[in-house]
Amino acid sequence: MASAERIIPGTFSKVPGGYEQKIDERTKIFVPDMCAASFIPETGELHGHAPDYEALEAAKAPAVQADKPGEYAYYYETQHAPTGCDFSADLAYYGKHYFLRPLRDGLPRLHGRGITYDEERGTYMVTLRAYDKIKEQYRIKKEMCFD
């Protein structure tokens, strides 16, 4: 993973296993050795490792253009989100339904068995069977997780 070096604010001192900053008589901040990139003992300046977000974004796979109906799944960590989709889908916690969020104005209102519209949030809750029928008609992006 690409990383950059950043300063950790405060004045630190070297202790066994890492570095510490004393806040008051009871409170200390401890930074383990493995998290420190460099330390200047004369000034107490500590630098740590931080992700290089620009490099991580540049390494992602390019976005797919959604040109026909279907489900366009992607992993946020390694791919850019597909473009040109009508809805964004999130699987519910127990996996019994999906939440659909419209991504653009002018889409016709979904209706039918297994489709519930939440007026307050502007989202749909659809059953698995209704989702299968909706993805035959619309372009849907679905963010996946590596878990």
C-alpha atoms as a PDB file:
ATOM      1  CA  MET A   1       0.000   0.000   0.000  1.00  0.00           C
ATOM      2  CA  ALA A   2       1.294   3.443  -0.853  1.00  0.00           C
ATOM      3  CA  SER A   3       2.038   5.599   2.169  1.00  0.00           C
ATOM      4  CA  ALA A   4       3.201   9.090   2.967  1.00  0.00           C
ATOM      5  CA  GLU A   5       4.895  10.527   6.008  1.00  0.00           C
ATOM      6  CA  ARG A   6       2.975  13.003   8.179  1.00  0.00           C
ATOM      7  CA  ILE A   7       3.769  14.819  11.399  1.00  0.00           C
ATOM      8  CA  ILE A   8       1.954  13.746  14.545  1.00  0.00           C
ATOM      9  CA  PRO A   9       1.168  16.931  16.513  1.00  0.00           C
ATOM     10  CA  GLY A  10       2.789  17.329  19.919  1.00  0.00           C
ATOM     11  CA  THR A  11       6.116  16.741  21.636  1.00  0.00           C
ATOM     12  CA  PHE A  12       7.003  13.081  22.142  1.00  0.00           C
ATOM     13  CA  SER A  13       9.668  11.215  24.068  1.00  0.00           C
ATOM     14  CA  LYS A  14      11.107   7.742  23.447  1.00  0.00           C
ATOM     15  CA  VAL A  15       9.827   4.984  25.766  1.00  0.00           C
ATOM     16  CA  PRO A  16      10.194   1.186  25.536  1.00  0.00           C
ATOM     17  CA  GLY A  17       8.129  -0.042  22.578  1.00  0.00           C
ATOM     18  CA  GLY A  18       7.359   3.368  21.103  1.00  0.00           C
ATOM     19  CA  TYR A  19       6.850   7.043  21.810  1.00  0.00           C
ATOM     20  CA  GLU A  20       4.645   8.896  24.286  1.00  0.00           C
ATOM     21  CA  GLN A  21       3.263  12.376  24.759  1.00  0.00           C
ATOM     22  CA  LYS A  22       2.232  13.364  28.279  1.00  0.00           C
ATOM     23  CA  ILE A  23      -1.072  15.268  28.308  1.00  0.00           C
ATOM     24  CA  ASP A  24      -1.415  15.550  32.094  1.00  0.00           C
ATOM     25  CA  GLU A  25      -0.372  13.500  35.125  1.00  0.00           C
ATOM     26  CA  ARG A  26      -2.829  10.712  34.279  1.00  0.00           C
ATOM     27  CA  THR A  27      -3.135  10.889  30.489  1.00  0.00           C
ATOM     28  CA  LYS A  28      -0.544   9.897  27.883  1.00  0.00           C
ATOM     29  CA  ILE A  29      -0.682   9.318  24.142  1.00  0.00           C
ATOM     30  CA  PHE A  30       1.301   6.270  23.043  1.00  0.00           C
ATOM     31  CA  VAL A  31       2.466   5.622  19.478  1.00  0.00           C
ATOM     32  CA  PRO A  32       3.994   2.161  18.860  1.00  0.00           C
ATOM     33  CA  ASP A  33       7.337   1.851  17.058  1.00  0.00           C
ATOM     34  CA  MET A  34       5.710   0.199  14.038  1.00  0.00           C
ATOM     35  CA  CYS A  35       3.531   3.287  13.414  1.00  0.00           C
ATOM     36  CA  ALA A  36       6.400   5.802  13.566  1.00  0.00           C
ATOM     37  CA  ALA A  37       8.251   6.763  10.394  1.00  0.00           C
ATOM     38  CA  SER A  38      10.869   9.016  11.999  1.00  0.00           C
ATOM     39  CA  PHE A  39      11.650  10.717  15.319  1.00  0.00           C
ATOM     40  CA  ILE A  40      13.796  13.764  16.105  1.00  0.00           C
ATOM     41  CA  PRO A  41      14.858  13.432  19.781  1.00  0.00           C
ATOM     42  CA  GLU A  42      16.112  17.044  20.085  1.00  0.00           C
ATOM     43  CA  THR A  43      12.700  18.545  19.262  1.00  0.00           C
ATOM     44  CA  GLY A  44      10.403  15.630  20.154  1.00  0.00           C
ATOM     45  CA  GLU A  45       8.946  15.745  16.641  1.00  0.00           C
ATOM     46  CA  LEU A  46       7.363  12.455  15.571  1.00  0.00           C
ATOM     47  CA  HIS A  47       6.362  11.507  12.031  1.00  0.00           C
ATOM     48  CA  GLY A  48       3.973   8.642  11.325  1.00  0.00           C
ATOM     49  CA  HIS A  49       2.873   6.647   8.303  1.00  0.00           C
ATOM     50  CA  ALA A  50      -0.323   7.748   6.559  1.00  0.00           C
ATOM     51  CA  PRO A  51      -2.020   6.318   3.459  1.00  0.00           C
ATOM     52  CA  ASP A  52      -1.295   8.141   0.201  1.00  0.00           C
ATOM     53  CA  TYR A  53      -4.900   8.556  -0.902  1.00  0.00           C
ATOM     54  CA  GLU A  54      -4.047  10.116  -4.273  1.00  0.00           C
ATOM     55  CA  ALA A  55      -1.915   7.095  -5.199  1.00  0.00           C
ATOM     56  CA  LEU A  56      -4.630   4.707  -4.053  1.00  0.00           C
ATOM     57  CA  GLU A  57      -7.268   6.494  -6.151  1.00  0.00           C
ATOM     58  CA  ALA A  58      -4.985   6.497  -9.198  1.00  0.00           C
ATOM     59  CA  ALA A  59      -4.411   2.736  -8.859  1.00  0.00           C
ATOM     60  CA  LYS A  60      -8.133   1.923  -9.019  1.00  0.00           C
ATOM     61  CA  ALA A  61      -9.600   0.288 -12.127  1.00  0.00           C
ATOM     62  CA  PRO A  62     -11.427   2.762 -14.393  1.00  0.00           C
ATOM     63  CA  ALA A  63     -15.181   3.217 -14.152  1.00  0.00           C
ATOM     64  CA  VAL A  64     -17.414   1.048 -16.306  1.00  0.00           C
ATOM     65  CA  GLN A  65     -20.036   2.784 -18.451  1.00  0.00           C
ATOM     66  CA  ALA A  66     -23.468   1.251 -17.811  1.00  0.00           C
ATOM     67  CA  ASP A  67     -24.965   0.973 -21.292  1.00  0.00           C
ATOM     68  CA  LYS A  68     -27.663  -1.676 -20.836  1.00  0.00           C
ATOM     69  CA  PRO A  69     -29.968  -2.821 -18.028  1.00  0.00           C
ATOM     70  CA  GLY A  70     -28.477  -4.975 -15.297  1.00  0.00           C
ATOM     71  CA  GLU A  71     -26.509  -4.947 -12.083  1.00  0.00           C
ATOM     72  CA  TYR A  72     -23.061  -3.324 -12.129  1.00  0.00           C
ATOM     73  CA  ALA A  73     -21.198  -4.498  -9.026  1.00  0.00           C
ATOM     74  CA  TYR A  74     -17.908  -2.913  -8.003  1.00  0.00           C
ATOM     75  CA  TYR A  75     -15.495  -2.861  -5.059  1.00  0.00           C
ATOM     76  CA  TYR A  76     -14.900   0.652  -3.716  1.00  0.00           C
ATOM     77  CA  GLU A  77     -11.330  -0.156  -2.648  1.00  0.00           C
ATOM     78  CA  THR A  78     -10.151  -1.257  -6.101  1.00  0.00           C
ATOM     79  CA  GLN A  79     -12.578   0.131  -8.699  1.00  0.00           C
ATOM     80  CA  HIS A  80     -14.281   3.398  -9.526  1.00  0.00           C
ATOM     81  CA  ALA A  81     -18.096   3.389  -9.398  1.00  0.00           C
ATOM     82  CA  PRO A  82     -19.847   2.695 -12.715  1.00  0.00           C
ATOM     83  CA  THR A  83     -21.285   5.696 -14.528  1.00  0.00           C
ATOM     84  CA  GLY A  84     -24.655   6.084 -16.219  1.00  0.00           C
ATOM     85  CA  CYS A  85     -26.653   4.054 -13.672  1.00  0.00           C
ATOM     86  CA  ASP A  86     -30.268   4.737 -12.731  1.00  0.00           C
ATOM     87  CA  PHE A  87     -30.265   3.363  -9.154  1.00  0.00           C
ATOM     88  CA  SER A  88     -27.831   2.524  -6.395  1.00  0.00           C
ATOM     89  CA  ALA A  89     -28.566  -0.726  -4.509  1.00  0.00           C
ATOM     90  CA  ASP A  90     -27.650  -1.774  -0.968  1.00  0.00           C
ATOM     91  CA  LEU A  91     -28.470  -5.214   0.379  1.00  0.00           C
ATOM     92  CA  ALA A  92     -30.283  -5.085   3.727  1.00  0.00           C
ATOM     93  CA  TYR A  93     -28.593  -6.407   6.862  1.00  0.00           C
ATOM     94  CA  TYR A  94     -30.379  -9.761   6.918  1.00  0.00           C
ATOM     95  CA  GLY A  95     -30.326 -10.124   3.119  1.00  0.00           C
ATOM     96  CA  LYS A  96     -34.103 -10.308   2.619  1.00  0.00           C
ATOM     97  CA  HIS A  97     -34.479  -7.096   0.604  1.00  0.00           C
ATOM     98  CA  TYR A  98     -32.610  -4.258  -1.118  1.00  0.00           C
ATOM     99  CA  PHE A  99     -32.684  -0.511  -0.654  1.00  0.00           C
ATOM    100  CA  LEU A 100     -32.713   1.350  -3.982  1.00  0.00           C
ATOM    101  CA  ARG A 101     -31.769   5.021  -4.256  1.00  0.00           C
ATOM    102  CA  PRO A 102     -32.506   6.916  -7.508  1.00  0.00           C
ATOM    103  CA  LEU A 103     -29.349   8.488  -8.957  1.00  0.00           C
ATOM    104  CA  ARG A 104     -30.988  10.959 -11.321  1.00  0.00           C
ATOM    105  CA  ASP A 105     -34.189  12.922 -11.704  1.00  0.00           C
ATOM    106  CA  GLY A 106     -36.893  11.998 -14.173  1.00  0.00           C
ATOM    107  CA  LEU A 107     -37.056   8.277 -13.449  1.00  0.00           C
ATOM    108  CA  PRO A 108     -40.553   6.812 -13.391  1.00  0.00           C
ATOM    109  CA  ARG A 109     -41.851   5.865  -9.951  1.00  0.00           C
ATOM    110  CA  LEU A 110     -41.457   2.143  -9.208  1.00  0.00           C
ATOM    111  CA  HIS A 111     -44.577   0.298  -8.110  1.00  0.00           C
ATOM    112  CA  GLY A 112     -45.827  -3.236  -7.773  1.00  0.00           C
ATOM    113  CA  ARG A 113     -45.656  -6.243  -5.482  1.00  0.00           C
ATOM    114  CA  GLY A 114     -42.629  -6.191  -3.193  1.00  0.00           C
ATOM    115  CA  ILE A 115     -41.837  -2.490  -3.742  1.00  0.00           C
ATOM    116  CA  THR A 116     -42.264   0.061  -0.955  1.00  0.00           C
ATOM    117  CA  TYR A 117     -41.395   3.749  -1.356  1.00  0.00           C
ATOM    118  CA  ASP A 118     -40.126   5.780   1.615  1.00  0.00           C
ATOM    119  CA  GLU A 119     -41.296   9.342   0.938  1.00  0.00           C
ATOM    120  CA  GLU A 120     -39.116  10.862   3.674  1.00  0.00           C
ATOM    121  CA  ARG A 121     -35.829   9.366   2.465  1.00  0.00           C
ATOM    122  CA  GLY A 122     -36.698   9.132  -1.220  1.00  0.00           C
ATOM    123  CA  THR A 123     -35.668   5.451  -1.372  1.00  0.00           C
ATOM    124  CA  TYR A 124     -37.311   2.165  -2.239  1.00  0.00           C
ATOM    125  CA  MET A 125     -37.295  -1.044  -0.241  1.00  0.00           C
ATOM    126  CA  VAL A 126     -37.708  -3.994  -2.613  1.00  0.00           C
ATOM    127  CA  THR A 127     -37.800  -7.747  -2.085  1.00  0.00           C
ATOM    128  CA  LEU A 128     -35.264 -10.035  -3.733  1.00  0.00           C
ATOM    129  CA  ARG A 129     -37.777 -11.154  -6.361  1.00  0.00           C
ATOM    130  CA  ALA A 130     -38.784  -7.569  -7.191  1.00  0.00           C
ATOM    131  CA  TYR A 131     -35.092  -6.620  -7.404  1.00  0.00           C
ATOM    132  CA  ASP A 132     -34.486  -9.340  -9.996  1.00  0.00           C
ATOM    133  CA  LYS A 133     -37.282  -7.887 -12.149  1.00  0.00           C
ATOM    134  CA  ILE A 134     -36.119  -4.280 -11.667  1.00  0.00           C
ATOM    135  CA  LYS A 135     -32.546  -5.027 -12.715  1.00  0.00           C
ATOM    136  CA  GLU A 136     -33.869  -6.391 -16.035  1.00  0.00           C
ATOM    137  CA  GLN A 137     -35.257  -2.915 -16.791  1.00  0.00           C
ATOM    138  CA  TYR A 138     -32.813  -0.484 -15.134  1.00  0.00           C
ATOM    139  CA  ARG A 139     -29.056   0.002 -14.718  1.00  0.00           C
ATOM    140  CA  ILE A 140     -28.191  -0.533 -11.054  1.00  0.00           C
ATOM    141  CA  LYS A 141     -24.831  -0.025  -9.360  1.00  0.00           C
ATOM    142  CA  LYS A 142     -24.069  -2.111  -6.298  1.00  0.00           C
ATOM    143  CA  GLU A 143     -21.084  -1.493  -4.027  1.00  0.00           C
ATOM    144  CA  MET A 144     -19.474  -4.698  -2.760  1.00  0.00           C
ATOM    145  CA  CYS A 145     -17.252  -5.291   0.290  1.00  0.00           C
ATOM    146  CA  PHE A 146     -14.217  -7.542   0.634  1.00  0.00           C
ATOM    147  CA  ASP A 147     -15.421  -8.827   4.047  1.00  0.00           C
END
